[in-house]
Amino acid sequence: MLILLPPSEGKTAATAGAPVDPAGLRLPGLAPARTRVLNRLVALCKRTSERSVADSLNVLGLSAGQRDEVARNATLHTAPAARAAEVYTGVLYEALDPSSLAPASQKWLDDTALVFSGLWGVVGPGDRIPAYRCSIGVTLPPIGGLTSYWKKVLKPALDPLPGPVLDLRSGAYVAMWAPGAQSCQVRVLHERVAGGEVKRSVVSHFNKATKGRLVRALAEERAAPATADELVTAMRDLKFTVEERPAPEGRPRQLDVVVTEI
């Protein structure tokens, strides 16, 4: 089983520790591709003239008030690294709270989950990385668009991995790799009663919290489904309300997780 996660925009920088080793991350065969992006990102952000910094901000889609992010990227070769599950600090990871999992569940998470990244391609939650700023929507000179770059690199690396796949990525990161028919894509619906009628709406910000709680529940159970059907059953056994929408044959299954509280 694989769980596919997005990164978080918010990150907590490590205060001590050795720097990242691209070959020491999950799927070490990706090290050359990772190193290429890392080197180009550092080179972009090391430039210090006002014009160069403005260009770096523009390339990375950052505002003038985020110059510190550019400066931090310039030090990525030597910056301290920490577990990815501790570096990523967005809503999903707060709900998942990986550091509080029992050791066996934490190992299950490290072995089962992959976090997609514009800089690293994919990393495991236990991989040691520095805090960085580089979204998948970046066009990084001279590499080009990172979505296209990683799509070519990740397909041969990820296609052989065993399923089923629980795909919890956000839209931009879904384009990096298509896992196929034994995968389940999840959206979160908020169900409430308004004016005497039951209404449902797609939630945005808080869908990440639900996804974090779902991954935590699976980790605590150390779930081991062998098929997409067994994965859906495991989610329902954990008391999640899961409904399936029609999907074209051969495409990922479309699941709605329905919540009454967000």
Protein backbone atom coordinates (compact mmCIF):
# COMPACT_ATOMS: atom_id res chain seq x y z
CA MET A 1 0.00 0.00 0.00
CA LEU A 2 1.06 3.57 -0.72
CA ILE A 3 -0.30 6.84 0.64
CA LEU A 4 0.42 9.91 -1.47
CA LEU A 5 0.57 13.22 0.41
CA PRO A 6 1.09 16.83 -0.62
CA PRO A 7 3.81 18.89 1.04
CA SER A 8 2.90 21.91 3.11
CA GLU A 9 3.70 25.50 2.27
CA GLY A 10 4.53 26.08 5.93
CA LYS A 11 7.75 24.45 7.11
CA THR A 12 9.73 24.38 10.34
CA ALA A 13 13.48 24.64 9.82
CA ALA A 14 15.74 22.26 11.72
CA THR A 15 18.04 23.96 14.20
CA ALA A 16 20.76 21.30 14.18
CA GLY A 17 21.81 18.24 12.24
CA ALA A 18 23.71 17.20 9.13
CA PRO A 19 22.60 18.61 5.75
CA VAL A 20 20.46 16.69 3.29
CA ASP A 21 21.91 13.81 1.29
CA PRO A 22 19.81 13.42 -1.91
CA ALA A 23 20.97 9.81 -2.24
CA GLY A 24 19.87 9.06 1.32
CA LEU A 25 16.22 9.87 0.62
CA ARG A 26 13.55 7.34 -0.27
CA LEU A 27 14.02 5.97 -3.80
CA PRO A 28 17.74 6.82 -4.03
CA GLY A 29 17.67 6.36 -7.79
CA LEU A 30 16.10 9.81 -7.93
CA ALA A 31 19.26 11.38 -6.46
CA PRO A 32 20.62 12.79 -9.76
CA ALA A 33 17.26 14.39 -10.61
CA ARG A 34 16.96 15.81 -7.08
CA THR A 35 20.51 17.14 -7.13
CA ARG A 36 19.91 18.90 -10.43
CA VAL A 37 16.87 20.77 -9.09
CA LEU A 38 18.62 21.50 -5.78
CA ASN A 39 21.69 22.95 -7.50
CA ARG A 40 19.65 25.15 -9.83
CA LEU A 41 17.44 26.40 -6.99
CA VAL A 42 20.46 27.28 -4.84
CA ALA A 43 22.16 29.00 -7.78
CA LEU A 44 19.02 31.05 -8.46
CA CYS A 45 18.71 32.15 -4.85
CA LYS A 46 22.39 32.88 -4.17
CA ARG A 47 22.32 35.97 -6.36
CA THR A 48 22.25 39.06 -4.18
CA SER A 49 21.69 42.13 -6.36
CA GLU A 50 18.30 43.80 -6.01
CA ARG A 51 17.39 42.88 -9.57
CA SER A 52 18.45 39.27 -9.04
CA VAL A 53 16.50 38.92 -5.79
CA ALA A 54 13.42 40.40 -7.47
CA ASP A 55 13.83 37.86 -10.29
CA SER A 56 14.15 34.99 -7.79
CA LEU A 57 10.99 36.13 -6.00
CA ASN A 58 9.18 36.23 -9.32
CA VAL A 59 10.36 32.76 -10.37
CA LEU A 60 9.30 31.26 -7.04
CA GLY A 61 5.96 33.10 -6.96
CA LEU A 62 6.84 34.95 -3.75
CA SER A 63 6.14 38.49 -2.59
CA ALA A 64 8.71 41.14 -1.72
CA GLY A 65 8.05 40.43 1.94
CA GLN A 66 9.28 36.85 1.50
CA ARG A 67 12.92 37.65 0.75
CA ASP A 68 13.92 35.47 3.71
CA GLU A 69 12.62 32.44 1.81
CA VAL A 70 15.04 33.20 -1.03
CA ALA A 71 17.92 33.61 1.42
CA ARG A 72 17.04 30.30 3.07
CA ASN A 73 17.01 28.52 -0.29
CA ALA A 74 20.52 29.82 -0.94
CA THR A 75 21.83 27.76 2.02
CA LEU A 76 20.13 24.44 1.23
CA HIS A 77 23.41 22.60 0.57
CA THR A 78 24.56 23.20 4.15
CA ALA A 79 21.33 23.82 6.10
CA PRO A 80 20.46 21.39 8.92
CA ALA A 81 17.98 18.69 7.94
CA ALA A 82 15.25 16.97 9.96
CA ARG A 83 12.57 14.36 9.36
CA ALA A 84 10.23 15.52 6.60
CA ALA A 85 7.27 14.75 8.89
CA GLU A 86 8.64 17.38 11.29
CA VAL A 87 9.64 19.93 8.65
CA TYR A 88 6.17 19.99 7.02
CA THR A 89 3.87 21.80 9.44
CA GLY A 90 0.65 22.52 7.52
CA VAL A 91 -2.89 21.60 8.54
CA LEU A 92 -2.66 18.00 7.30
CA TYR A 93 0.54 17.34 9.25
CA GLU A 94 -0.80 18.99 12.39
CA ALA A 95 -3.80 16.64 12.29
CA LEU A 96 -1.58 13.65 11.52
CA ASP A 97 0.82 14.59 14.37
CA PRO A 98 3.36 11.93 13.32
CA SER A 99 5.78 12.53 16.18
CA SER A 100 3.15 11.36 18.71
CA LEU A 101 2.54 8.03 16.97
CA ALA A 102 3.73 4.85 18.63
CA PRO A 103 7.06 3.64 17.18
CA ALA A 104 5.46 0.81 15.18
CA SER A 105 2.89 3.19 13.69
CA GLN A 106 5.55 5.76 12.91
CA LYS A 107 7.55 3.10 11.06
CA TRP A 108 4.38 2.12 9.16
CA LEU A 109 3.96 5.75 8.13
CA ASP A 110 7.61 6.07 7.07
CA ASP A 111 7.32 2.91 4.96
CA THR A 112 3.89 3.61 3.48
CA ALA A 113 3.63 7.35 2.73
CA LEU A 114 5.27 9.44 0.02
CA VAL A 115 5.24 13.23 0.14
CA PHE A 116 5.34 14.89 -3.29
CA SER A 117 7.61 17.91 -3.65
CA GLY A 118 8.64 20.39 -6.30
CA LEU A 119 12.24 20.18 -5.05
CA TRP A 120 12.69 16.50 -4.14
CA GLY A 121 10.15 14.75 -6.38
CA VAL A 122 9.03 12.52 -3.52
CA VAL A 123 10.33 11.95 0.00
CA GLY A 124 9.34 9.62 2.81
CA PRO A 125 8.11 11.10 6.10
CA GLY A 126 11.26 9.80 7.77
CA ASP A 127 13.64 11.31 5.21
CA ARG A 128 15.81 14.13 6.49
CA ILE A 129 15.34 17.37 4.54
CA PRO A 130 15.90 21.09 5.19
CA ALA A 131 13.11 23.65 5.10
CA TYR A 132 12.80 25.10 1.58
CA ARG A 133 10.49 27.04 -0.69
CA CYS A 134 9.87 25.63 -4.16
CA SER A 135 6.34 24.72 -5.24
CA ILE A 136 5.52 22.36 -8.07
CA GLY A 137 4.19 25.30 -10.12
CA VAL A 138 7.66 26.84 -10.43
CA THR A 139 9.40 27.12 -13.80
CA LEU A 140 13.05 26.85 -12.78
CA PRO A 141 15.68 28.05 -15.27
CA PRO A 142 17.12 26.23 -17.16
CA ILE A 143 15.20 23.09 -16.14
CA GLY A 144 11.76 24.45 -17.04
CA GLY A 145 8.44 23.55 -15.49
CA LEU A 146 8.89 21.27 -12.50
CA THR A 147 5.61 19.42 -13.12
CA SER A 148 6.83 18.22 -16.53
CA TYR A 149 10.31 17.52 -15.19
CA TRP A 150 9.14 15.31 -12.34
CA LYS A 151 6.41 13.64 -14.38
CA LYS A 152 9.06 12.13 -16.65
CA VAL A 153 11.36 11.18 -13.78
CA LEU A 154 8.79 9.74 -11.39
CA LYS A 155 6.87 7.45 -13.74
CA PRO A 156 9.58 4.75 -14.07
CA ALA A 157 10.43 5.07 -10.36
CA LEU A 158 6.87 4.83 -9.02
CA ASP A 159 5.03 2.62 -11.51
CA PRO A 160 6.60 -0.61 -10.14
CA LEU A 161 5.61 0.12 -6.53
CA PRO A 162 2.84 -2.10 -5.14
CA GLY A 163 -0.72 -0.90 -4.64
CA PRO A 164 -3.30 -0.09 -3.59
CA VAL A 165 -2.75 3.66 -3.52
CA LEU A 166 -4.57 6.21 -1.36
CA ASP A 167 -4.10 9.52 -3.17
CA LEU A 168 -4.54 12.51 -0.86
CA ARG A 169 -2.56 15.01 -2.94
CA SER A 170 -3.81 18.45 -3.89
CA GLY A 171 -4.48 19.20 -7.55
CA ALA A 172 -1.11 20.60 -8.60
CA TYR A 173 0.75 17.58 -7.21
CA VAL A 174 -1.63 15.01 -8.75
CA ALA A 175 -0.16 15.88 -12.16
CA MET A 176 3.28 14.61 -11.13
CA TRP A 177 2.30 10.93 -11.31
CA ALA A 178 -0.82 8.95 -12.22
CA PRO A 179 -1.03 5.76 -10.12
CA GLY A 180 -3.77 3.96 -12.10
CA ALA A 181 -6.83 1.83 -11.42
CA GLN A 182 -5.79 0.43 -8.03
CA SER A 183 -5.72 3.94 -6.59
CA CYS A 184 -8.37 5.91 -4.73
CA GLN A 185 -8.60 9.68 -4.92
CA VAL A 186 -10.31 11.35 -1.97
CA ARG A 187 -12.28 14.54 -1.58
CA VAL A 188 -13.88 15.67 1.68
CA LEU A 189 -17.51 16.77 1.87
CA HIS A 190 -19.05 18.67 4.77
CA GLU A 191 -22.62 17.57 5.49
CA ARG A 192 -24.88 19.87 7.48
CA VAL A 193 -28.57 20.61 7.92
CA ALA A 194 -29.69 24.05 6.74
CA GLY A 195 -33.33 25.13 6.56
CA GLY A 196 -34.43 21.60 7.31
CA GLU A 197 -32.47 20.20 4.35
CA VAL A 198 -29.30 18.15 4.30
CA LYS A 199 -26.66 19.97 2.29
CA ARG A 200 -23.14 18.99 1.32
CA SER A 201 -20.24 21.15 0.21
CA VAL A 202 -16.64 20.53 -0.72
CA VAL A 203 -14.36 21.87 1.98
CA SER A 204 -10.99 23.37 1.16
CA HIS A 205 -8.78 24.30 4.09
CA PHE A 206 -10.26 21.78 6.51
CA ASN A 207 -10.20 18.91 4.05
CA LYS A 208 -6.50 18.70 4.91
CA ALA A 209 -7.29 18.15 8.58
CA THR A 210 -9.65 15.29 7.71
CA LYS A 211 -7.02 13.72 5.49
CA GLY A 212 -4.48 14.01 8.29
CA ARG A 213 -6.83 12.28 10.72
CA LEU A 214 -7.50 9.56 8.15
CA VAL A 215 -3.79 8.83 7.68
CA ARG A 216 -3.27 8.82 11.44
CA ALA A 217 -6.08 6.31 11.94
CA LEU A 218 -4.63 4.04 9.25
CA ALA A 219 -1.16 4.34 10.81
CA GLU A 220 -2.43 3.49 14.28
CA GLU A 221 -4.13 0.42 12.79
CA ARG A 222 -1.08 -0.34 10.64
CA ALA A 223 -3.52 -1.15 7.87
CA ALA A 224 -2.34 -3.53 5.15
CA PRO A 225 -5.04 -3.70 2.44
CA ALA A 226 -4.04 -5.68 -0.64
CA THR A 227 -6.60 -4.15 -3.00
CA ALA A 228 -8.54 -0.93 -3.47
CA ASP A 229 -11.67 -2.71 -2.22
CA GLU A 230 -9.87 -3.69 0.98
CA LEU A 231 -8.63 -0.11 1.36
CA VAL A 232 -12.19 1.25 1.21
CA THR A 233 -13.27 -1.38 3.74
CA ALA A 234 -10.40 -0.43 6.06
CA MET A 235 -11.44 3.23 5.96
CA ARG A 236 -15.04 2.34 6.77
CA ASP A 237 -13.92 0.02 9.58
CA LEU A 238 -12.19 3.05 11.09
CA LYS A 239 -15.59 4.79 11.21
CA PHE A 240 -15.07 7.11 8.24
CA THR A 241 -18.14 7.66 6.08
CA VAL A 242 -16.91 6.77 2.60
CA GLU A 243 -19.04 6.99 -0.54
CA GLU A 244 -17.89 6.17 -4.06
CA ARG A 245 -18.62 8.16 -7.19
CA PRO A 246 -18.56 6.68 -10.72
CA ALA A 247 -15.20 6.80 -12.45
CA PRO A 248 -14.14 5.77 -15.98
CA GLU A 249 -12.79 2.24 -16.28
CA GLY A 250 -9.06 2.09 -15.65
CA ARG A 251 -9.03 5.44 -13.85
CA PRO A 252 -8.55 6.05 -10.10
CA ARG A 253 -11.59 5.36 -7.95
CA GLN A 254 -13.29 8.50 -6.68
CA LEU A 255 -14.10 8.50 -2.96
CA ASP A 256 -15.99 11.05 -0.89
CA VAL A 257 -15.24 11.15 2.82
CA VAL A 258 -18.28 12.79 4.41
CA VAL A 259 -17.85 14.69 7.68
CA THR A 260 -20.36 16.52 9.85
CA GLU A 261 -17.72 18.47 11.77
CA ILE A 262 -14.71 20.25 10.28
